Amino acid sequence: MHEGQHGTATQHRPAIGKGRLHFLDQFRGFALLGLPFVNVLALWLIATPETAADFWLQRGLNFFVEARFYTIFTFLFGLGFYMFLSRSAATDGRPRLRLYIRRLVILVLIGVIHQLYQSGEALFYYAIVGLLAIPFYGAPRKVNLGIGLAGFTVAAVMGFKLLTIPFLILLGLAAGQYRLLDAIHNGFRLRSLRMIWVLSLLGTIIVIATMWRVAPSEPMPSFLFEVEGVPPSPAMEAAFTLAHIGVATGPLVSVFYLSSLLMLERTRLGAKMLYPLQAYGRMALTNYIGQTVFLVGIQRLILTTSPTTYVVSTLVSLGIVVFQIIASNLWMRWYQYGPLEWLWRCGTYWTIVPIRKKTGVL
């Protein structure tokens, strides 16, 4: 077999059989951890920080959370795109596109409904990009990687967060074609993993140091906006610059986070600490929608139009995450899928899929 033919065969080989990839569930669970802390800023009326606690929470969110966890979530959607089609092709050698299209059409509908309550939600865009990206599944992996890197670079330079979504998804697809899942599943060589971790750590330190220099000494507005014909204030201009840097450097910091998880998972204590994220990640759709339900419900029933603080929004987001992790682990002891995951699966296969487990184990 020629080298080109071998590469094509390799990139379409099913992703590690049909077994559950627990590290992928952990990655999804980890990505979910950071989302409510950022999404709450768009759903609630947050006052400009007036206390030291609010000031440092705002700065911490800008440095370590904003555009970090969504980058992981989006990249993993691209990996999931590759996994679904490659595994569906394992039976007769051809990907089951009808199932995949039906799956994404359902996700479009979920996203449309979700956008009524969370205008910054991502599911609608994921589904549309996923449909448009179907032809790229058959493209050479070098092409997908090149387009993904070039496109993300352009979007990052522009500072257009929404425009990064298709290219992050394409990079996730390319990562699947390059057998990244196999490499993680079979265990990265510790030396290689340490090298990735050290380099991404150094890059993250440089990024945070740069953001620290750019950030103003005074608190920044919690909501970014521009008035036509009126120059932005220094604090607002600094906030836009921080957001721009955050979008551009999101993948670098995300690599540091994920490589840290892989390093931690290799230790006995670390594996125990990360274990609860598996169930949390397996119910990613339910928990993502659930975060919006909690945040919107609290805003409409308790806060109404009253402004609140970063301390309150952070504590509430932390409470939601802790509750969801506990609830997910209890649910997954007895059920195979989360509630929305089960409905999504039934719609995809157009049949009632059994949801109860035979035994109460995760």
Protein backbone atom coordinates (compact mmCIF):
# COMPACT_ATOMS: atom_id res chain seq x y z
CA MET A 1 0.00 0.00 0.00
CA HIS A 2 1.29 3.43 -0.90
CA GLU A 3 1.93 5.97 1.87
CA GLY A 4 -1.00 8.16 0.80
CA GLN A 5 -3.37 5.19 0.73
CA HIS A 6 -2.13 4.06 4.13
CA GLY A 7 -2.74 7.52 5.59
CA THR A 8 -6.30 7.59 4.23
CA ALA A 9 -7.04 4.15 5.63
CA THR A 10 -5.61 5.13 9.01
CA GLN A 11 -7.55 8.36 9.33
CA HIS A 12 -10.89 6.57 8.77
CA ARG A 13 -10.18 3.57 11.00
CA PRO A 14 -12.75 3.39 13.85
CA ALA A 15 -11.74 5.21 17.03
CA ILE A 16 -10.79 2.47 19.50
CA GLY A 17 -13.66 0.11 18.94
CA LYS A 18 -16.97 0.64 20.72
CA GLY A 19 -15.75 0.88 24.32
CA ARG A 20 -16.42 3.94 26.46
CA LEU A 21 -13.50 6.38 26.57
CA HIS A 22 -13.56 7.48 30.18
CA PHE A 23 -10.82 10.08 29.76
CA LEU A 24 -13.01 11.75 27.11
CA ASP A 25 -15.88 11.89 29.61
CA GLN A 26 -13.48 13.46 32.11
CA PHE A 27 -12.43 16.05 29.54
CA ARG A 28 -16.09 16.92 28.86
CA GLY A 29 -16.80 17.09 32.57
CA PHE A 30 -13.83 19.36 33.11
CA ALA A 31 -14.97 21.64 30.27
CA LEU A 32 -18.41 21.89 31.87
CA LEU A 33 -16.86 23.07 35.15
CA GLY A 34 -15.94 26.48 33.80
CA LEU A 35 -18.98 27.27 31.66
CA PRO A 36 -21.47 28.58 34.27
CA PHE A 37 -18.89 30.99 35.75
CA VAL A 38 -18.72 32.76 32.37
CA ASN A 39 -22.28 32.25 31.10
CA VAL A 40 -23.74 33.79 34.25
CA LEU A 41 -22.16 37.11 33.27
CA ALA A 42 -24.42 37.25 30.20
CA LEU A 43 -27.53 36.02 32.00
CA TRP A 44 -27.38 38.15 35.14
CA LEU A 45 -26.88 41.85 35.70
CA ILE A 46 -23.43 41.96 37.34
CA ALA A 47 -22.28 45.21 38.92
CA THR A 48 -18.83 46.64 38.23
CA PRO A 49 -16.60 45.39 41.10
CA GLU A 50 -16.58 47.61 44.17
CA THR A 51 -14.81 45.26 46.59
CA ALA A 52 -11.42 43.57 46.51
CA ALA A 53 -13.08 40.14 46.32
CA ASP A 54 -15.11 41.12 43.26
CA PHE A 55 -12.07 42.74 41.65
CA TRP A 56 -9.90 39.62 41.95
CA LEU A 57 -12.71 37.29 40.93
CA GLN A 58 -13.24 39.34 37.78
CA ARG A 59 -9.54 39.24 37.01
CA GLY A 60 -9.33 35.50 37.69
CA LEU A 61 -12.25 34.79 35.36
CA ASN A 62 -10.64 36.83 32.58
CA PHE A 63 -7.26 35.16 33.01
CA PHE A 64 -8.13 31.52 33.69
CA VAL A 65 -11.72 30.80 32.61
CA GLU A 66 -12.95 33.01 29.76
CA ALA A 67 -12.35 31.34 26.34
CA ARG A 68 -10.53 28.43 28.05
CA PHE A 69 -13.27 25.92 28.81
CA TYR A 70 -15.41 26.71 25.77
CA THR A 71 -12.33 25.98 23.62
CA ILE A 72 -12.10 22.49 25.13
CA PHE A 73 -15.85 21.93 24.76
CA THR A 74 -15.79 22.95 21.08
CA PHE A 75 -12.70 20.91 20.24
CA LEU A 76 -14.28 17.84 21.87
CA PHE A 77 -17.37 18.29 19.70
CA GLY A 78 -15.10 17.91 16.67
CA LEU A 79 -13.58 14.79 18.15
CA GLY A 80 -17.07 13.44 18.80
CA PHE A 81 -17.93 14.16 15.16
CA TYR A 82 -15.04 11.96 14.07
CA MET A 83 -15.84 9.21 16.60
CA PHE A 84 -19.49 8.93 15.60
CA LEU A 85 -18.81 8.60 11.88
CA SER A 86 -15.75 6.35 12.20
CA ARG A 87 -17.51 3.96 14.57
CA SER A 88 -20.68 3.90 12.47
CA ALA A 89 -18.54 2.94 9.47
CA ALA A 90 -17.08 -0.07 11.30
CA THR A 91 -20.08 -2.27 10.46
CA ASP A 92 -20.27 -1.97 6.66
CA GLY A 93 -17.30 0.24 5.84
CA ARG A 94 -19.38 3.37 5.19
CA PRO A 95 -20.28 6.08 7.71
CA ARG A 96 -23.99 6.22 8.54
CA LEU A 97 -24.55 9.80 7.46
CA ARG A 98 -28.32 9.60 7.80
CA LEU A 99 -27.99 8.91 11.52
CA TYR A 100 -25.46 11.67 11.97
CA ILE A 101 -27.56 14.22 10.08
CA ARG A 102 -30.64 13.28 12.11
CA ARG A 103 -28.57 13.61 15.28
CA LEU A 104 -27.47 17.13 14.35
CA VAL A 105 -30.93 18.23 13.19
CA ILE A 106 -32.18 17.32 16.68
CA LEU A 107 -29.30 19.32 18.15
CA VAL A 108 -30.29 22.31 15.97
CA LEU A 109 -33.80 22.18 17.45
CA ILE A 110 -32.41 21.93 20.99
CA GLY A 111 -30.13 24.87 20.26
CA VAL A 112 -32.98 27.01 18.87
CA ILE A 113 -35.02 26.45 22.04
CA HIS A 114 -31.98 27.00 24.25
CA GLN A 115 -31.21 30.31 22.54
CA LEU A 116 -34.56 31.68 23.71
CA TYR A 117 -33.14 31.66 27.24
CA GLN A 118 -29.36 31.77 26.65
CA SER A 119 -28.46 33.96 23.68
CA GLY A 120 -24.79 33.02 23.97
CA GLU A 121 -25.38 29.27 23.81
CA ALA A 122 -23.24 27.15 21.48
CA LEU A 123 -25.29 24.06 20.58
CA PHE A 124 -27.03 25.66 17.60
CA TYR A 125 -23.72 26.74 16.08
CA TYR A 126 -22.11 23.35 16.81
CA ALA A 127 -24.92 21.57 14.97
CA ILE A 128 -24.86 23.90 11.94
CA VAL A 129 -21.07 23.67 11.66
CA GLY A 130 -21.25 19.90 12.14
CA LEU A 131 -23.62 19.60 9.19
CA LEU A 132 -21.49 21.83 7.00
CA ALA A 133 -18.33 19.95 8.00
CA ILE A 134 -19.54 16.53 6.83
CA PRO A 135 -17.56 16.72 3.54
CA PHE A 136 -14.39 17.34 5.54
CA TYR A 137 -14.67 13.87 7.11
CA GLY A 138 -13.44 12.45 3.80
CA ALA A 139 -10.73 15.07 3.34
CA PRO A 140 -7.06 14.28 4.06
CA ARG A 141 -6.13 14.98 7.66
CA LYS A 142 -3.37 17.38 6.60
CA VAL A 143 -5.96 19.49 4.78
CA ASN A 144 -8.26 19.59 7.81
CA LEU A 145 -5.38 20.42 10.12
CA GLY A 146 -4.12 23.17 7.82
CA ILE A 147 -7.54 24.77 7.34
CA GLY A 148 -8.27 24.49 11.07
CA LEU A 149 -5.00 26.14 12.11
CA ALA A 150 -5.15 28.86 9.45
CA GLY A 151 -8.80 29.64 10.09
CA PHE A 152 -8.41 29.77 13.86
CA THR A 153 -5.38 32.05 13.50
CA VAL A 154 -7.37 34.50 11.37
CA ALA A 155 -10.34 34.41 13.78
CA ALA A 156 -7.97 34.88 16.75
CA VAL A 157 -6.28 37.88 15.14
CA MET A 158 -9.71 39.39 14.50
CA GLY A 159 -10.72 38.61 18.08
CA PHE A 160 -13.99 37.11 16.81
CA LYS A 161 -14.87 34.35 19.29
CA LEU A 162 -17.85 32.98 17.36
CA LEU A 163 -15.73 32.59 14.22
CA THR A 164 -13.33 30.25 16.05
CA ILE A 165 -16.04 27.60 16.46
CA PRO A 166 -15.88 26.00 12.97
CA PHE A 167 -12.09 25.87 13.03
CA LEU A 168 -11.90 24.39 16.54
CA ILE A 169 -14.38 21.73 15.42
CA LEU A 170 -12.26 21.08 12.32
CA LEU A 171 -9.16 20.77 14.52
CA GLY A 172 -11.05 18.24 16.65
CA LEU A 173 -11.86 16.26 13.51
CA ALA A 174 -8.21 16.39 12.41
CA ALA A 175 -7.10 15.25 15.87
CA GLY A 176 -9.35 12.21 15.48
CA GLN A 177 -7.87 11.48 12.06
CA TYR A 178 -4.37 11.72 13.54
CA ARG A 179 -5.36 9.07 16.12
CA LEU A 180 -5.08 11.34 19.15
CA LEU A 181 -7.68 9.26 20.98
CA ASP A 182 -5.63 6.10 20.44
CA ALA A 183 -2.50 7.85 21.71
CA ILE A 184 -4.24 8.96 24.92
CA HIS A 185 -6.07 5.66 25.40
CA ASN A 186 -2.89 3.63 25.01
CA GLY A 187 -1.01 6.01 27.27
CA PHE A 188 1.24 8.81 26.15
CA ARG A 189 4.87 8.15 26.90
CA LEU A 190 5.45 9.97 30.18
CA ARG A 191 8.38 11.85 28.72
CA SER A 192 6.26 13.17 25.83
CA LEU A 193 3.40 14.10 28.15
CA ARG A 194 5.76 15.95 30.47
CA MET A 195 7.21 17.84 27.54
CA ILE A 196 3.73 18.92 26.38
CA TRP A 197 2.85 19.92 29.94
CA VAL A 198 6.02 21.95 30.50
CA LEU A 199 5.79 23.78 27.16
CA SER A 200 2.10 24.59 27.63
CA LEU A 201 2.79 25.69 31.22
CA LEU A 202 5.48 28.10 30.03
CA GLY A 203 3.14 29.39 27.34
CA THR A 204 0.35 29.85 29.88
CA ILE A 205 2.65 31.79 32.22
CA ILE A 206 3.60 34.12 29.35
CA VAL A 207 -0.08 34.57 28.45
CA ILE A 208 -1.12 35.38 32.03
CA ALA A 209 1.82 37.76 32.43
CA THR A 210 0.81 39.55 29.22
CA MET A 211 -2.79 39.84 30.36
CA TRP A 212 -1.63 41.11 33.73
CA ARG A 213 0.31 43.92 32.04
CA VAL A 214 -2.66 44.84 29.85
CA ALA A 215 -5.29 44.74 32.61
CA PRO A 216 -6.07 48.17 34.11
CA SER A 217 -5.55 48.86 37.80
CA GLU A 218 -9.23 49.80 38.20
CA PRO A 219 -12.19 47.39 37.90
CA MET A 220 -13.55 46.72 34.43
CA PRO A 221 -17.22 46.73 33.38
CA SER A 222 -18.78 43.28 33.52
CA PHE A 223 -20.54 43.79 30.18
CA LEU A 224 -18.57 44.84 27.10
CA PHE A 225 -20.19 47.31 24.73
CA GLU A 226 -19.34 50.13 22.37
CA VAL A 227 -21.32 53.27 21.57
CA GLU A 228 -21.04 54.36 17.96
CA GLY A 229 -19.15 57.62 17.65
CA VAL A 230 -18.01 57.58 21.29
CA PRO A 231 -14.49 56.35 22.09
CA PRO A 232 -14.45 53.64 24.76
CA SER A 233 -13.11 54.42 28.22
CA PRO A 234 -9.60 53.15 29.09
CA ALA A 235 -11.12 50.42 31.28
CA MET A 236 -13.50 49.31 28.52
CA GLU A 237 -10.70 49.34 25.94
CA ALA A 238 -8.53 47.22 28.26
CA ALA A 239 -11.43 44.81 28.74
CA PHE A 240 -11.78 44.37 24.96
CA THR A 241 -8.03 43.78 24.68
CA LEU A 242 -8.12 41.14 27.44
CA ALA A 243 -11.03 39.40 25.71
CA HIS A 244 -9.09 39.45 22.43
CA ILE A 245 -6.01 37.92 24.06
CA GLY A 246 -8.19 35.34 25.79
CA VAL A 247 -9.71 34.15 22.51
CA ALA A 248 -6.33 34.04 20.75
CA THR A 249 -4.61 32.06 23.52
CA GLY A 250 -7.51 29.81 24.50
CA PRO A 251 -6.10 26.64 22.85
CA LEU A 252 -2.69 27.06 24.48
CA VAL A 253 -4.12 27.36 27.98
CA SER A 254 -6.56 24.54 27.22
CA VAL A 255 -3.67 22.23 26.27
CA PHE A 256 -2.08 23.04 29.63
CA TYR A 257 -5.33 22.20 31.44
CA LEU A 258 -5.88 18.90 29.60
CA SER A 259 -2.26 17.77 29.88
CA SER A 260 -2.46 18.55 33.60
CA LEU A 261 -5.51 16.28 33.82
CA LEU A 262 -3.64 13.47 32.06
CA MET A 263 -0.67 13.91 34.38
CA LEU A 264 -2.95 13.94 37.42
CA GLU A 265 -4.87 10.89 36.24
CA ARG A 266 -1.66 8.83 36.29
CA THR A 267 -1.50 9.12 40.08
CA ARG A 268 -3.73 7.11 42.41
CA LEU A 269 -4.98 10.18 44.27
CA GLY A 270 -5.47 12.11 41.03
CA ALA A 271 -7.50 9.29 39.45
CA LYS A 272 -9.83 9.28 42.49
CA MET A 273 -10.20 13.05 42.32
CA LEU A 274 -11.07 13.02 38.62
CA TYR A 275 -13.39 10.00 38.74
CA PRO A 276 -16.58 12.02 39.50
CA LEU A 277 -16.03 14.01 36.29
CA GLN A 278 -16.78 10.88 34.22
CA ALA A 279 -20.48 10.84 35.08
CA TYR A 280 -20.61 14.63 34.84
CA GLY A 281 -19.17 14.49 31.33
CA ARG A 282 -21.39 11.61 30.22
CA MET A 283 -24.36 13.85 30.98
CA ALA A 284 -22.80 16.86 29.23
CA LEU A 285 -25.93 17.85 27.29
CA THR A 286 -28.23 17.53 30.30
CA ASN A 287 -25.83 19.44 32.53
CA TYR A 288 -25.14 22.19 29.97
CA ILE A 289 -28.87 22.85 29.52
CA GLY A 290 -29.35 22.37 33.27
CA GLN A 291 -26.89 25.16 34.04
CA THR A 292 -29.02 27.55 32.00
CA VAL A 293 -32.20 26.36 33.74
CA PHE A 294 -30.66 27.05 37.15
CA LEU A 295 -29.16 30.43 36.23
CA VAL A 296 -32.21 31.73 34.38
CA GLY A 297 -34.54 30.42 37.09
CA ILE A 298 -32.59 32.17 39.85
CA GLN A 299 -32.43 35.37 37.83
CA ARG A 300 -36.17 35.46 37.14
CA LEU A 301 -37.45 34.20 40.48
CA ILE A 302 -34.99 35.79 42.92
CA LEU A 303 -32.81 38.49 41.39
CA THR A 304 -35.25 39.93 38.80
CA THR A 305 -33.65 43.22 37.68
CA SER A 306 -31.46 43.74 40.73
CA PRO A 307 -27.70 43.86 40.02
CA THR A 308 -25.55 41.36 41.87
CA THR A 309 -21.85 40.84 42.49
CA TYR A 310 -19.10 38.59 41.20
CA VAL A 311 -18.92 36.93 44.61
CA VAL A 312 -22.59 35.94 44.50
CA SER A 313 -22.49 34.79 40.86
CA THR A 314 -19.34 32.75 41.49
CA LEU A 315 -20.71 31.08 44.63
CA VAL A 316 -23.99 30.25 42.88
CA SER A 317 -22.12 28.83 39.85
CA LEU A 318 -19.94 26.76 42.18
CA GLY A 319 -23.04 25.44 43.93
CA ILE A 320 -24.61 24.47 40.61
CA VAL A 321 -21.47 22.60 39.54
CA VAL A 322 -21.18 20.71 42.84
CA PHE A 323 -24.88 19.79 42.78
CA GLN A 324 -24.66 18.59 39.17
CA ILE A 325 -21.58 16.45 39.82
CA ILE A 326 -23.28 14.74 42.78
CA ALA A 327 -26.57 14.32 40.91
CA SER A 328 -24.81 12.98 37.78
CA ASN A 329 -22.91 10.34 39.74
CA LEU A 330 -26.08 9.22 41.49
CA TRP A 331 -28.04 9.12 38.22
CA MET A 332 -25.37 7.19 36.31
CA ARG A 333 -25.29 4.46 38.94
CA TRP A 334 -28.70 3.32 37.72
CA TYR A 335 -29.07 4.67 34.19
CA GLN A 336 -27.03 4.32 31.01
CA TYR A 337 -27.67 7.85 29.75
CA GLY A 338 -28.61 11.25 31.08
CA PRO A 339 -32.24 12.35 30.48
CA LEU A 340 -31.51 14.57 27.47
CA GLU A 341 -28.81 12.21 26.17
CA TRP A 342 -31.41 9.42 26.21
CA LEU A 343 -33.97 11.50 24.29
CA TRP A 344 -31.26 12.54 21.82
CA ARG A 345 -30.25 8.92 21.28
CA CYS A 346 -33.85 7.77 20.83
CA GLY A 347 -34.39 10.49 18.24
CA THR A 348 -31.15 9.64 16.45
CA TYR A 349 -31.93 5.92 16.11
CA TRP A 350 -35.69 6.49 15.89
CA THR A 351 -36.41 3.85 18.52
CA ILE A 352 -36.89 3.63 22.26
CA VAL A 353 -33.45 2.84 23.66
CA PRO A 354 -33.30 1.08 27.07
CA ILE A 355 -32.13 3.56 29.70
CA ARG A 356 -31.97 1.50 32.89
CA LYS A 357 -28.80 -0.36 33.81
CA LYS A 358 -28.95 -3.99 34.82
CA THR A 359 -26.70 -3.27 37.80
CA GLY A 360 -26.10 -0.11 39.75
CA VAL A 361 -22.59 0.71 38.58
CA LEU A 362 -21.05 3.64 36.71
